[in-house]
Amino acid sequence: SSFQASAGGASYEGETVKKLDLLSNDEMNSHLLSSGMVAVIASEEDRDPIISNSSHPFVVVHDPLDGSSNIDANIPVGTIVGIYRNRYPRDPVANVLQKGRDMVAACYALYSLSTTLVLAVPD
């Protein structure tokens, strides 16, 4: 499929970026930005954080299509999302580098024969 073809680049981790990676990243970022709730987004596919509005309450880090290099082998893929409070409105890098224990929520969606969503929130 043309979506499985290389997009001609590599992620910051040195992995081959596929067109499907870029498409899923663009869709995810677009929806997050249009929510009006996200101040900063960091993605595996983007070199730098995307800054929306520093007054918005949340920061989202994500891998929009985890495991995409395994699609050719028909291995399930998923989406990883971490959500933080916007604690550092003037420092987007500090916002996306918060500790895991400070997350408001984290989730993983697994896409296979059925879709499974695991959501974790603090007490």
PDB file of N, CA and C in Angstrom:
ATOM      1  N   SER A   1       0.838  -1.186   0.000  1.00  0.00           N
ATOM      2  CA  SER A   1       0.000   0.000   0.000  1.00  0.00           C
ATOM      3  C   SER A   1       0.880   1.246   0.000  1.00  0.00           C
ATOM      4  N   SER A   2       0.385   2.311  -0.587  1.00  0.00           N
ATOM      5  CA  SER A   2       1.168   3.544  -0.646  1.00  0.00           C
ATOM      6  C   SER A   2       1.341   4.162   0.736  1.00  0.00           C
ATOM      7  N   PHE A   3       0.458   3.869   1.696  1.00  0.00           N
ATOM      8  CA  PHE A   3       0.589   4.397   3.046  1.00  0.00           C
ATOM      9  C   PHE A   3       1.750   3.743   3.794  1.00  0.00           C
ATOM     10  N   GLN A   4       2.140   2.545   3.371  1.00  0.00           N
ATOM     11  CA  GLN A   4       3.235   1.849   4.020  1.00  0.00           C
ATOM     12  C   GLN A   4       4.586   2.262   3.446  1.00  0.00           C
ATOM     13  N   ALA A   5       4.573   3.030   2.353  1.00  0.00           N
ATOM     14  CA  ALA A   5       5.815   3.476   1.732  1.00  0.00           C
ATOM     15  C   ALA A   5       6.528   4.478   2.630  1.00  0.00           C
ATOM     16  N   SER A   6       7.827   4.534   2.457  1.00  0.00           N
ATOM     17  CA  SER A   6       8.624   5.494   3.218  1.00  0.00           C
ATOM     18  C   SER A   6       8.273   6.905   2.788  1.00  0.00           C
ATOM     19  N   ALA A   7       8.263   7.797   3.765  1.00  0.00           N
ATOM     20  CA  ALA A   7       8.016   9.209   3.460  1.00  0.00           C
ATOM     21  C   ALA A   7       9.323   9.911   3.113  1.00  0.00           C
ATOM     22  N   GLY A   8      10.410   9.148   3.083  1.00  0.00           N
ATOM     23  CA  GLY A   8      11.679   9.702   2.662  1.00  0.00           C
ATOM     24  C   GLY A   8      12.501  10.336   3.762  1.00  0.00           C
ATOM     25  N   GLY A   9      12.195  10.037   5.004  1.00  0.00           N
ATOM     26  CA  GLY A   9      12.964  10.625   6.092  1.00  0.00           C
ATOM     27  C   GLY A   9      13.086   9.661   7.241  1.00  0.00           C
ATOM     28  N   ALA A  10      13.661  10.175   8.318  1.00  0.00           N
ATOM     29  CA  ALA A  10      13.819   9.378   9.524  1.00  0.00           C
ATOM     30  C   ALA A  10      13.356  10.204  10.713  1.00  0.00           C
ATOM     31  N   SER A  11      12.816   9.524  11.713  1.00  0.00           N
ATOM     32  CA  SER A  11      12.419  10.208  12.935  1.00  0.00           C
ATOM     33  C   SER A  11      13.674  10.591  13.701  1.00  0.00           C
ATOM     34  N   TYR A  12      13.502  11.359  14.770  1.00  0.00           N
ATOM     35  CA  TYR A  12      14.668  11.740  15.573  1.00  0.00           C
ATOM     36  C   TYR A  12      15.332  10.526  16.204  1.00  0.00           C
ATOM     37  N   GLU A  13      14.613   9.397  16.256  1.00  0.00           N
ATOM     38  CA  GLU A  13      15.182   8.157  16.795  1.00  0.00           C
ATOM     39  C   GLU A  13      15.862   7.327  15.712  1.00  0.00           C
ATOM     40  N   GLY A  14      15.856   7.814  14.471  1.00  0.00           N
ATOM     41  CA  GLY A  14      16.499   7.104  13.380  1.00  0.00           C
ATOM     42  C   GLY A  14      15.612   6.091  12.675  1.00  0.00           C
ATOM     43  N   GLU A  15      14.330   6.002  13.058  1.00  0.00           N
ATOM     44  CA  GLU A  15      13.419   5.067  12.411  1.00  0.00           C
ATOM     45  C   GLU A  15      12.931   5.644  11.091  1.00  0.00           C
ATOM     46  N   THR A  16      12.688   4.758  10.115  1.00  0.00           N
ATOM     47  CA  THR A  16      12.135   5.203   8.844  1.00  0.00           C
ATOM     48  C   THR A  16      10.711   5.705   9.066  1.00  0.00           C
ATOM     49  N   VAL A  17      10.433   6.885   8.556  1.00  0.00           N
ATOM     50  CA  VAL A  17       9.095   7.465   8.700  1.00  0.00           C
ATOM     51  C   VAL A  17       8.266   7.055   7.491  1.00  0.00           C
ATOM     52  N   LYS A  18       7.107   6.466   7.750  1.00  0.00           N
ATOM     53  CA  LYS A  18       6.206   6.050   6.681  1.00  0.00           C
ATOM     54  C   LYS A  18       5.125   7.105   6.482  1.00  0.00           C
ATOM     55  N   LYS A  19       4.537   7.099   5.312  1.00  0.00           N
ATOM     56  CA  LYS A  19       3.475   8.065   5.007  1.00  0.00           C
ATOM     57  C   LYS A  19       2.332   7.949   6.019  1.00  0.00           C
ATOM     58  N   LEU A  20       2.029   6.730   6.434  1.00  0.00           N
ATOM     59  CA  LEU A  20       0.960   6.526   7.401  1.00  0.00           C
ATOM     60  C   LEU A  20       1.296   7.160   8.748  1.00  0.00           C
ATOM     61  N   ASP A  21       2.591   7.157   9.120  1.00  0.00           N
ATOM     62  CA  ASP A  21       3.026   7.844  10.345  1.00  0.00           C
ATOM     63  C   ASP A  21       2.693   9.328  10.255  1.00  0.00           C
ATOM     64  N   LEU A  22       3.044   9.937   9.134  1.00  0.00           N
ATOM     65  CA  LEU A  22       2.823  11.372   8.960  1.00  0.00           C
ATOM     66  C   LEU A  22       1.335  11.707   8.905  1.00  0.00           C
ATOM     67  N   LEU A  23       0.563  10.883   8.211  1.00  0.00           N
ATOM     68  CA  LEU A  23      -0.878  11.106   8.125  1.00  0.00           C
ATOM     69  C   LEU A  23      -1.527  11.018   9.502  1.00  0.00           C
ATOM     70  N   SER A  24      -1.179   9.987  10.262  1.00  0.00           N
ATOM     71  CA  SER A  24      -1.778   9.830  11.597  1.00  0.00           C
ATOM     72  C   SER A  24      -1.333  10.955  12.523  1.00  0.00           C
ATOM     73  N   ASN A  25      -0.091  11.389  12.396  1.00  0.00           N
ATOM     74  CA  ASN A  25       0.413  12.489  13.208  1.00  0.00           C
ATOM     75  C   ASN A  25      -0.325  13.783  12.879  1.00  0.00           C
ATOM     76  N   ASP A  26      -0.490  14.058  11.597  1.00  0.00           N
ATOM     77  CA  ASP A  26      -1.198  15.276  11.191  1.00  0.00           C
ATOM     78  C   ASP A  26      -2.643  15.277  11.684  1.00  0.00           C
ATOM     79  N   GLU A  27      -3.312  14.140  11.581  1.00  0.00           N
ATOM     80  CA  GLU A  27      -4.707  14.048  12.042  1.00  0.00           C
ATOM     81  C   GLU A  27      -4.803  14.240  13.555  1.00  0.00           C
ATOM     82  N   MET A  28      -3.933  13.565  14.273  1.00  0.00           N
ATOM     83  CA  MET A  28      -3.945  13.664  15.737  1.00  0.00           C
ATOM     84  C   MET A  28      -3.677  15.104  16.180  1.00  0.00           C
ATOM     85  N   ASN A  29      -2.637  15.717  15.614  1.00  0.00           N
ATOM     86  CA  ASN A  29      -2.315  17.093  15.984  1.00  0.00           C
ATOM     87  C   ASN A  29      -3.447  18.048  15.624  1.00  0.00           C
ATOM     88  N   SER A  30      -4.039  17.860  14.473  1.00  0.00           N
ATOM     89  CA  SER A  30      -5.142  18.722  14.040  1.00  0.00           C
ATOM     90  C   SER A  30      -6.308  18.668  15.021  1.00  0.00           C
ATOM     91  N   HIS A  31      -6.682  17.470  15.435  1.00  0.00           N
ATOM     92  CA  HIS A  31      -7.805  17.323  16.373  1.00  0.00           C
ATOM     93  C   HIS A  31      -7.458  17.885  17.752  1.00  0.00           C
ATOM     94  N   LEU A  32      -6.232  17.651  18.195  1.00  0.00           N
ATOM     95  CA  LEU A  32      -5.823  18.196  19.495  1.00  0.00           C
ATOM     96  C   LEU A  32      -5.828  19.718  19.472  1.00  0.00           C
ATOM     97  N   LEU A  33      -5.292  20.307  18.417  1.00  0.00           N
ATOM     98  CA  LEU A  33      -5.249  21.766  18.316  1.00  0.00           C
ATOM     99  C   LEU A  33      -6.652  22.369  18.228  1.00  0.00           C
ATOM    100  N   SER A  34      -7.544  21.705  17.526  1.00  0.00           N
ATOM    101  CA  SER A  34      -8.901  22.249  17.368  1.00  0.00           C
ATOM    102  C   SER A  34      -9.767  22.066  18.613  1.00  0.00           C
ATOM    103  N   SER A  35      -9.286  21.297  19.595  1.00  0.00           N
ATOM    104  CA  SER A  35     -10.071  21.063  20.814  1.00  0.00           C
ATOM    105  C   SER A  35     -10.186  22.316  21.677  1.00  0.00           C
ATOM    106  N   GLY A  36      -9.236  23.233  21.536  1.00  0.00           N
ATOM    107  CA  GLY A  36      -9.242  24.422  22.373  1.00  0.00           C
ATOM    108  C   GLY A  36      -8.811  24.146  23.802  1.00  0.00           C
ATOM    109  N   MET A  37      -8.240  22.982  24.057  1.00  0.00           N
ATOM    110  CA  MET A  37      -7.840  22.588  25.415  1.00  0.00           C
ATOM    111  C   MET A  37      -6.343  22.337  25.554  1.00  0.00           C
ATOM    112  N   VAL A  38      -5.621  22.305  24.445  1.00  0.00           N
ATOM    113  CA  VAL A  38      -4.228  21.878  24.465  1.00  0.00           C
ATOM    114  C   VAL A  38      -3.285  23.052  24.210  1.00  0.00           C
ATOM    115  N   ALA A  39      -2.371  23.269  25.146  1.00  0.00           N
ATOM    116  CA  ALA A  39      -1.387  24.352  25.030  1.00  0.00           C
ATOM    117  C   ALA A  39      -0.188  23.934  24.199  1.00  0.00           C
ATOM    118  N   VAL A  40       0.277  22.693  24.409  1.00  0.00           N
ATOM    119  CA  VAL A  40       1.480  22.203  23.743  1.00  0.00           C
ATOM    120  C   VAL A  40       1.290  20.739  23.379  1.00  0.00           C
ATOM    121  N   ILE A  41       1.817  20.365  22.213  1.00  0.00           N
ATOM    122  CA  ILE A  41       1.793  18.971  21.761  1.00  0.00           C
ATOM    123  C   ILE A  41       3.218  18.552  21.442  1.00  0.00           C
ATOM    124  N   ALA A  42       3.589  17.355  21.874  1.00  0.00           N
ATOM    125  CA  ALA A  42       4.868  16.763  21.468  1.00  0.00           C
ATOM    126  C   ALA A  42       4.577  15.379  20.913  1.00  0.00           C
ATOM    127  N   SER A  43       5.154  15.095  19.769  1.00  0.00           N
ATOM    128  CA  SER A  43       4.925  13.829  19.099  1.00  0.00           C
ATOM    129  C   SER A  43       6.250  13.204  18.688  1.00  0.00           C
ATOM    130  N   GLU A  44       6.263  11.895  18.591  1.00  0.00           N
ATOM    131  CA  GLU A  44       7.443  11.193  18.111  1.00  0.00           C
ATOM    132  C   GLU A  44       7.809  11.653  16.702  1.00  0.00           C
ATOM    133  N   GLU A  45       6.834  12.078  15.936  1.00  0.00           N
ATOM    134  CA  GLU A  45       7.068  12.450  14.546  1.00  0.00           C
ATOM    135  C   GLU A  45       7.558  13.884  14.369  1.00  0.00           C
ATOM    136  N   ASP A  46       7.417  14.718  15.386  1.00  0.00           N
ATOM    137  CA  ASP A  46       7.801  16.123  15.282  1.00  0.00           C
ATOM    138  C   ASP A  46       9.069  16.394  16.074  1.00  0.00           C
ATOM    139  N   ARG A  47       9.999  17.095  15.470  1.00  0.00           N
ATOM    140  CA  ARG A  47      11.269  17.400  16.134  1.00  0.00           C
ATOM    141  C   ARG A  47      11.076  18.327  17.326  1.00  0.00           C
ATOM    142  N   ASP A  48      10.202  19.325  17.196  1.00  0.00           N
ATOM    143  CA  ASP A  48       9.969  20.313  18.248  1.00  0.00           C
ATOM    144  C   ASP A  48       8.519  20.282  18.702  1.00  0.00           C
ATOM    145  N   PRO A  49       8.260  20.697  19.947  1.00  0.00           N
ATOM    146  CA  PRO A  49       6.869  20.786  20.407  1.00  0.00           C
ATOM    147  C   PRO A  49       6.070  21.779  19.562  1.00  0.00           C
ATOM    148  N   ILE A  50       4.800  21.491  19.411  1.00  0.00           N
ATOM    149  CA  ILE A  50       3.879  22.400  18.719  1.00  0.00           C
ATOM    150  C   ILE A  50       3.189  23.231  19.785  1.00  0.00           C
ATOM    151  N   ILE A  51       3.316  24.524  19.673  1.00  0.00           N
ATOM    152  CA  ILE A  51       2.744  25.434  20.668  1.00  0.00           C
ATOM    153  C   ILE A  51       1.434  25.984  20.127  1.00  0.00           C
ATOM    154  N   SER A  52       0.386  25.836  20.917  1.00  0.00           N
ATOM    155  CA  SER A  52      -0.934  26.308  20.518  1.00  0.00           C
ATOM    156  C   SER A  52      -1.245  27.622  21.230  1.00  0.00           C
ATOM    157  N   ASN A  53      -1.702  27.522  22.466  1.00  0.00           N
ATOM    158  CA  ASN A  53      -2.088  28.706  23.238  1.00  0.00           C
ATOM    159  C   ASN A  53      -1.662  28.449  24.680  1.00  0.00           C
ATOM    160  N   SER A  54      -0.773  29.274  25.189  1.00  0.00           N
ATOM    161  CA  SER A  54      -0.205  29.021  26.514  1.00  0.00           C
ATOM    162  C   SER A  54      -1.226  29.088  27.641  1.00  0.00           C
ATOM    163  N   SER A  55      -2.424  29.612  27.369  1.00  0.00           N
ATOM    164  CA  SER A  55      -3.448  29.671  28.414  1.00  0.00           C
ATOM    165  C   SER A  55      -4.318  28.417  28.464  1.00  0.00           C
ATOM    166  N   HIS A  56      -4.187  27.530  27.480  1.00  0.00           N
ATOM    167  CA  HIS A  56      -4.976  26.305  27.494  1.00  0.00           C
ATOM    168  C   HIS A  56      -4.468  25.372  28.597  1.00  0.00           C
ATOM    169  N   PRO A  57      -5.346  24.546  29.177  1.00  0.00           N
ATOM    170  CA  PRO A  57      -4.994  23.830  30.412  1.00  0.00           C
ATOM    171  C   PRO A  57      -4.134  22.577  30.280  1.00  0.00           C
ATOM    172  N   PHE A  58      -4.008  22.000  29.076  1.00  0.00           N
ATOM    173  CA  PHE A  58      -3.354  20.696  28.991  1.00  0.00           C
ATOM    174  C   PHE A  58      -2.183  20.665  28.018  1.00  0.00           C
ATOM    175  N   VAL A  59      -1.303  19.700  28.253  1.00  0.00           N
ATOM    176  CA  VAL A  59      -0.157  19.393  27.405  1.00  0.00           C
ATOM    177  C   VAL A  59      -0.309  17.926  27.008  1.00  0.00           C
ATOM    178  N   VAL A  60      -0.138  17.616  25.724  1.00  0.00           N
ATOM    179  CA  VAL A  60      -0.307  16.243  25.255  1.00  0.00           C
ATOM    180  C   VAL A  60       0.971  15.772  24.571  1.00  0.00           C
ATOM    181  N   VAL A  61       1.427  14.603  24.974  1.00  0.00           N
ATOM    182  CA  VAL A  61       2.542  13.932  24.306  1.00  0.00           C
ATOM    183  C   VAL A  61       1.982  12.649  23.700  1.00  0.00           C
ATOM    184  N   HIS A  62       2.436  12.315  22.477  1.00  0.00           N
ATOM    185  CA  HIS A  62       1.843  11.126  21.850  1.00  0.00           C
ATOM    186  C   HIS A  62       2.748  10.504  20.801  1.00  0.00           C
ATOM    187  N   ASP A  63       2.495   9.233  20.591  1.00  0.00           N
ATOM    188  CA  ASP A  63       3.017   8.495  19.439  1.00  0.00           C
ATOM    189  C   ASP A  63       1.760   8.074  18.689  1.00  0.00           C
ATOM    190  N   PRO A  64       1.465   8.732  17.590  1.00  0.00           N
ATOM    191  CA  PRO A  64       0.175   8.509  16.928  1.00  0.00           C
ATOM    192  C   PRO A  64      -0.011   7.114  16.340  1.00  0.00           C
ATOM    193  N   LEU A  65       1.079   6.467  15.938  1.00  0.00           N
ATOM    194  CA  LEU A  65       0.951   5.136  15.353  1.00  0.00           C
ATOM    195  C   LEU A  65       2.139   4.279  15.773  1.00  0.00           C
ATOM    196  N   ASP A  66       2.113   3.837  17.011  1.00  0.00           N
ATOM    197  CA  ASP A  66       3.177   3.015  17.565  1.00  0.00           C
ATOM    198  C   ASP A  66       3.193   1.659  16.877  1.00  0.00           C
ATOM    199  N   GLY A  67       4.367   1.235  16.437  1.00  0.00           N
ATOM    200  CA  GLY A  67       4.490  -0.070  15.797  1.00  0.00           C
ATOM    201  C   GLY A  67       4.244  -0.056  14.300  1.00  0.00           C
ATOM    202  N   SER A  68       4.218   1.122  13.693  1.00  0.00           N
ATOM    203  CA  SER A  68       3.897   1.201  12.263  1.00  0.00           C
ATOM    204  C   SER A  68       4.900   0.448  11.396  1.00  0.00           C
ATOM    205  N   SER A  69       6.120   0.271  11.876  1.00  0.00           N
ATOM    206  CA  SER A  69       7.116  -0.485  11.098  1.00  0.00           C
ATOM    207  C   SER A  69       6.740  -1.962  10.993  1.00  0.00           C
ATOM    208  N   ASN A  70       5.778  -2.409  11.814  1.00  0.00           N
ATOM    209  CA  ASN A  70       5.358  -3.812  11.799  1.00  0.00           C
ATOM    210  C   ASN A  70       4.099  -4.061  10.964  1.00  0.00           C
ATOM    211  N   ILE A  71       3.567  -3.029  10.349  1.00  0.00           N
ATOM    212  CA  ILE A  71       2.319  -3.192   9.586  1.00  0.00           C
ATOM    213  C   ILE A  71       2.473  -4.223   8.487  1.00  0.00           C
ATOM    214  N   ASP A  72       3.616  -4.241   7.803  1.00  0.00           N
ATOM    215  CA  ASP A  72       3.844  -5.200   6.718  1.00  0.00           C
ATOM    216  C   ASP A  72       3.723  -6.644   7.197  1.00  0.00           C
ATOM    217  N   ALA A  73       3.997  -6.884   8.485  1.00  0.00           N
ATOM    218  CA  ALA A  73       3.924  -8.233   9.044  1.00  0.00           C
ATOM    219  C   ALA A  73       2.558  -8.507   9.675  1.00  0.00           C
ATOM    220  N   ASN A  74       1.612  -7.581   9.502  1.00  0.00           N
ATOM    221  CA  ASN A  74       0.256  -7.727  10.025  1.00  0.00           C
ATOM    222  C   ASN A  74       0.237  -7.823  11.552  1.00  0.00           C
ATOM    223  N   ILE A  75       1.160  -7.108  12.185  1.00  0.00           N
ATOM    224  CA  ILE A  75       1.217  -7.042  13.639  1.00  0.00           C
ATOM    225  C   ILE A  75       0.422  -5.819  14.086  1.00  0.00           C
ATOM    226  N   PRO A  76      -0.383  -5.927  15.140  1.00  0.00           N
ATOM    227  CA  PRO A  76      -1.202  -4.787  15.571  1.00  0.00           C
ATOM    228  C   PRO A  76      -0.377  -3.545  15.893  1.00  0.00           C
ATOM    229  N   VAL A  77      -0.990  -2.407  15.685  1.00  0.00           N
ATOM    230  CA  VAL A  77      -0.391  -1.109  16.000  1.00  0.00           C
ATOM    231  C   VAL A  77      -1.273  -0.408  17.018  1.00  0.00           C
ATOM    232  N   GLY A  78      -0.801   0.706  17.528  1.00  0.00           N
ATOM    233  CA  GLY A  78      -1.597   1.418  18.522  1.00  0.00           C
ATOM    234  C   GLY A  78      -1.231   2.882  18.582  1.00  0.00           C
ATOM    235  N   THR A  79      -1.897   3.579  19.480  1.00  0.00           N
ATOM    236  CA  THR A  79      -1.649   4.991  19.739  1.00  0.00           C
ATOM    237  C   THR A  79      -1.375   5.160  21.225  1.00  0.00           C
ATOM    238  N   ILE A  80      -0.302   5.890  21.551  1.00  0.00           N
ATOM    239  CA  ILE A  80       0.063   6.159  22.937  1.00  0.00           C
ATOM    240  C   ILE A  80      -0.140   7.646  23.199  1.00  0.00           C
ATOM    241  N   VAL A  81      -0.810   7.968  24.311  1.00  0.00           N
ATOM    242  CA  VAL A  81      -1.081   9.371  24.646  1.00  0.00           C
ATOM    243  C   VAL A  81      -0.827   9.599  26.135  1.00  0.00           C
ATOM    244  N   GLY A  82      -0.143  10.692  26.440  1.00  0.00           N
ATOM    245  CA  GLY A  82       0.031  11.137  27.813  1.00  0.00           C
ATOM    246  C   GLY A  82      -0.483  12.571  27.927  1.00  0.00           C
ATOM    247  N   ILE A  83      -1.209  12.865  28.988  1.00  0.00           N
ATOM    248  CA  ILE A  83      -1.780  14.201  29.180  1.00  0.00           C
ATOM    249  C   ILE A  83      -1.301  14.766  30.508  1.00  0.00           C
ATOM    250  N   TYR A  84      -0.789  15.976  30.445  1.00  0.00           N
ATOM    251  CA  TYR A  84      -0.305  16.700  31.625  1.00  0.00           C
ATOM    252  C   TYR A  84      -1.073  18.008  31.773  1.00  0.00           C
ATOM    253  N   ARG A  85      -1.019  18.588  32.959  1.00  0.00           N
ATOM    254  CA  ARG A  85      -1.496  19.953  33.156  1.00  0.00           C
ATOM    255  C   ARG A  85      -0.448  20.910  32.593  1.00  0.00           C
ATOM    256  N   ASN A  86      -0.901  22.048  32.148  1.00  0.00           N
ATOM    257  CA  ASN A  86      -0.018  23.089  31.625  1.00  0.00           C
ATOM    258  C   ASN A  86       0.600  23.833  32.811  1.00  0.00           C
ATOM    259  N   ARG A  87       1.682  23.297  33.348  1.00  0.00           N
ATOM    260  CA  ARG A  87       2.318  23.863  34.542  1.00  0.00           C
ATOM    261  C   ARG A  87       3.333  24.955  34.223  1.00  0.00           C
ATOM    262  N   TYR A  88       3.850  24.955  33.012  1.00  0.00           N
ATOM    263  CA  TYR A  88       4.905  25.902  32.644  1.00  0.00           C
ATOM    264  C   TYR A  88       4.501  26.658  31.371  1.00  0.00           C
ATOM    265  N   PRO A  89       3.534  27.570  31.468  1.00  0.00           N
ATOM    266  CA  PRO A  89       3.015  28.249  30.273  1.00  0.00           C
ATOM    267  C   PRO A  89       4.075  28.972  29.444  1.00  0.00           C
ATOM    268  N   ARG A  90       5.164  29.368  30.075  1.00  0.00           N
ATOM    269  CA  ARG A  90       6.209  30.094  29.342  1.00  0.00           C
ATOM    270  C   ARG A  90       7.352  29.191  28.872  1.00  0.00           C
ATOM    271  N   ASP A  91       7.251  27.883  29.169  1.00  0.00           N
ATOM    272  CA  ASP A  91       8.329  26.966  28.809  1.00  0.00           C
ATOM    273  C   ASP A  91       7.761  25.659  28.238  1.00  0.00           C
ATOM    274  N   PRO A  92       7.466  25.642  26.937  1.00  0.00           N
ATOM    275  CA  PRO A  92       6.854  24.445  26.340  1.00  0.00           C
ATOM    276  C   PRO A  92       7.719  23.193  26.461  1.00  0.00           C
ATOM    277  N   VAL A  93       9.035  23.340  26.420  1.00  0.00           N
ATOM    278  CA  VAL A  93       9.902  22.165  26.542  1.00  0.00           C
ATOM    279  C   VAL A  93       9.779  21.559  27.936  1.00  0.00           C
ATOM    280  N   ALA A  94       9.792  22.395  28.971  1.00  0.00           N
ATOM    281  CA  ALA A  94       9.602  21.885  30.338  1.00  0.00           C
ATOM    282  C   ALA A  94       8.236  21.218  30.471  1.00  0.00           C
ATOM    283  N   ASN A  95       7.228  21.754  29.808  1.00  0.00           N
ATOM    284  CA  ASN A  95       5.890  21.173  29.862  1.00  0.00           C
ATOM    285  C   ASN A  95       5.867  19.751  29.324  1.00  0.00           C
ATOM    286  N   VAL A  96       6.530  19.505  28.196  1.00  0.00           N
ATOM    287  CA  VAL A  96       6.473  18.165  27.608  1.00  0.00           C
ATOM    288  C   VAL A  96       7.459  17.200  28.253  1.00  0.00           C
ATOM    289  N   LEU A  97       8.346  17.712  29.117  1.00  0.00           N
ATOM    290  CA  LEU A  97       9.314  16.855  29.806  1.00  0.00           C
ATOM    291  C   LEU A  97       8.951  16.614  31.272  1.00  0.00           C
ATOM    292  N   GLN A  98       7.685  16.809  31.627  1.00  0.00           N
ATOM    293  CA  GLN A  98       7.248  16.552  32.995  1.00  0.00           C
ATOM    294  C   GLN A  98       7.379  15.061  33.319  1.00  0.00           C
ATOM    295  N   LYS A  99       7.448  14.749  34.583  1.00  0.00           N
ATOM    296  CA  LYS A  99       7.572  13.366  35.041  1.00  0.00           C
ATOM    297  C   LYS A  99       6.270  12.606  34.795  1.00  0.00           C
ATOM    298  N   GLY A 100       6.407  11.319  34.555  1.00  0.00           N
ATOM    299  CA  GLY A 100       5.245  10.475  34.322  1.00  0.00           C
ATOM    300  C   GLY A 100       4.248  10.490  35.462  1.00  0.00           C
ATOM    301  N   ARG A 101       4.729  10.600  36.688  1.00  0.00           N
ATOM    302  CA  ARG A 101       3.823  10.605  37.846  1.00  0.00           C
ATOM    303  C   ARG A 101       2.937  11.849  37.882  1.00  0.00           C
ATOM    304  N   ASP A 102       3.288  12.875  37.086  1.00  0.00           N
ATOM    305  CA  ASP A 102       2.494  14.098  37.045  1.00  0.00           C
ATOM    306  C   ASP A 102       1.408  14.085  35.982  1.00  0.00           C
ATOM    307  N   MET A 103       1.265  12.976  35.271  1.00  0.00           N
ATOM    308  CA  MET A 103       0.234  12.895  34.227  1.00  0.00           C
ATOM    309  C   MET A 103      -1.158  12.978  34.823  1.00  0.00           C
ATOM    310  N   VAL A 104      -2.031  13.630  34.079  1.00  0.00           N
ATOM    311  CA  VAL A 104      -3.452  13.678  34.413  1.00  0.00           C
ATOM    312  C   VAL A 104      -4.123  12.398  33.915  1.00  0.00           C
ATOM    313  N   ALA A 105      -3.642  11.911  32.776  1.00  0.00           N
ATOM    314  CA  ALA A 105      -4.176  10.675  32.196  1.00  0.00           C
ATOM    315  C   ALA A 105      -3.171  10.131  31.180  1.00  0.00           C
ATOM    316  N   ALA A 106      -3.243   8.835  30.965  1.00  0.00           N
ATOM    317  CA  ALA A 106      -2.445   8.179  29.928  1.00  0.00           C
ATOM    318  C   ALA A 106      -3.330   7.119  29.289  1.00  0.00           C
ATOM    319  N   CYS A 107      -3.144   6.920  27.991  1.00  0.00           N
ATOM    320  CA  CYS A 107      -3.937   5.864  27.362  1.00  0.00           C
ATOM    321  C   CYS A 107      -3.158   5.223  26.227  1.00  0.00           C
ATOM    322  N   TYR A 108      -3.568   4.012  25.932  1.00  0.00           N
ATOM    323  CA  TYR A 108      -3.023   3.264  24.808  1.00  0.00           C
ATOM    324  C   TYR A 108      -4.200   2.633  24.090  1.00  0.00           C
ATOM    325  N   ALA A 109      -4.282   2.875  22.792  1.00  0.00           N
ATOM    326  CA  ALA A 109      -5.300   2.227  21.969  1.00  0.00           C
ATOM    327  C   ALA A 109      -4.590   1.207  21.089  1.00  0.00           C
ATOM    328  N   LEU A 110      -5.077  -0.014  21.101  1.00  0.00           N
ATOM    329  CA  LEU A 110      -4.522  -1.093  20.291  1.00  0.00           C
ATOM    330  C   LEU A 110      -5.507  -1.399  19.178  1.00  0.00           C
ATOM    331  N   TYR A 111      -5.015  -1.348  17.934  1.00  0.00           N
ATOM    332  CA  TYR A 111      -5.868  -1.594  16.772  1.00  0.00           C
ATOM    333  C   TYR A 111      -5.520  -2.970  16.212  1.00  0.00           C
ATOM    334  N   SER A 112      -6.478  -3.883  16.285  1.00  0.00           N
ATOM    335  CA  SER A 112      -6.279  -5.244  15.812  1.00  0.00           C
ATOM    336  C   SER A 112      -7.627  -5.756  15.312  1.00  0.00           C
ATOM    337  N   LEU A 113      -7.915  -7.038  15.541  1.00  0.00           N
ATOM    338  CA  LEU A 113      -9.232  -7.564  15.163  1.00  0.00           C
ATOM    339  C   LEU A 113     -10.341  -6.823  15.896  1.00  0.00           C
ATOM    340  N   SER A 114     -10.027  -6.394  17.103  1.00  0.00           N
ATOM    341  CA  SER A 114     -10.921  -5.506  17.837  1.00  0.00           C
ATOM    342  C   SER A 114     -10.053  -4.372  18.376  1.00  0.00           C
ATOM    343  N   THR A 115     -10.665  -3.259  18.691  1.00  0.00           N
ATOM    344  CA  THR A 115      -9.926  -2.125  19.225  1.00  0.00           C
ATOM    345  C   THR A 115     -10.037  -2.145  20.741  1.00  0.00           C
ATOM    346  N   THR A 116      -8.902  -1.996  21.392  1.00  0.00           N
ATOM    347  CA  THR A 116      -8.855  -1.982  22.845  1.00  0.00           C
ATOM    348  C   THR A 116      -8.282  -0.651  23.287  1.00  0.00           C
ATOM    349  N   LEU A 117      -8.939  -0.024  24.258  1.00  0.00           N
ATOM    350  CA  LEU A 117      -8.451   1.235  24.802  1.00  0.00           C
ATOM    351  C   LEU A 117      -8.195   1.031  26.295  1.00  0.00           C
ATOM    352  N   VAL A 118      -6.968   1.320  26.715  1.00  0.00           N
ATOM    353  CA  VAL A 118      -6.611   1.256  28.126  1.00  0.00           C
ATOM    354  C   VAL A 118      -6.391   2.686  28.575  1.00  0.00           C
ATOM    355  N   LEU A 119      -7.122   3.108  29.601  1.00  0.00           N
ATOM    356  CA  LEU A 119      -7.038   4.471  30.116  1.00  0.00           C
ATOM    357  C   LEU A 119      -6.598   4.408  31.575  1.00  0.00           C
ATOM    358  N   ALA A 120      -5.594   5.195  31.906  1.00  0.00           N
ATOM    359  CA  ALA A 120      -5.111   5.252  33.290  1.00  0.00           C
ATOM    360  C   ALA A 120      -5.238   6.685  33.787  1.00  0.00           C
ATOM    361  N   VAL A 121      -5.858   6.840  34.948  1.00  0.00           N
ATOM    362  CA  VAL A 121      -5.994   8.145  35.595  1.00  0.00           C
ATOM    363  C   VAL A 121      -5.630   7.981  37.070  1.00  0.00           C
ATOM    364  N   PRO A 122      -5.067   9.038  37.669  1.00  0.00           N
ATOM    365  CA  PRO A 122      -4.716   8.918  39.097  1.00  0.00           C
ATOM    366  C   PRO A 122      -5.963   8.853  39.969  1.00  0.00           C
ATOM    367  N   ASP A 123      -5.774   8.429  41.202  1.00  0.00           N
ATOM    368  CA  ASP A 123      -6.892   8.348  42.151  1.00  0.00           C
ATOM    369  C   ASP A 123      -7.511   9.701  42.383  1.00  0.00           C
TER     370      ASP A 123
END
